[in-house]
Amino acid sequence: MAPGNKPDLVTRDYTIHLSKRVHKKQFKKRAPRAIKEIRKFAQKAMGTKDVRIDSNLNKHVWATGVKNPPVRVRVRLSRKRNEDEEAEEKLYTFAQLVQVSTFKGLHTENVDNA
């Protein structure tokens, strides 16, 4: 498959290491930066500019305050069709939180939509 020719609808689970992405950032900007980095990671992984973050994922990042976002977060990135007719892009990415007990031994996994 060519690099620019990705399948339309796909869902994958990723582990994002937020600690290295907010390292040496000002305390009051750490949680907002973590959200921006999740959005940036999703754009790169899924190849869409439109990234929508689930409210549960947002609450999980902000749960311990602005200074202390979680070290790692497991996210489910789903590439979906945009229902809006006037949208610039026909696809968007939806990022959801996946609760895990430990991050040990986890890899990127394709998720069946069935």
Foldseek 3Di string as FASTA:
>chain_A
DDPVDDDQKWKKKDKDQLCVQCPPPDQQCSLVSSVVVVLVVLCVVVVDNAEAEDPVVSCQQCVVHSRDGDRMFMKMKIKDADPDPPDPDRIYIYIYGDDDPDPPPDDMDTDDPD
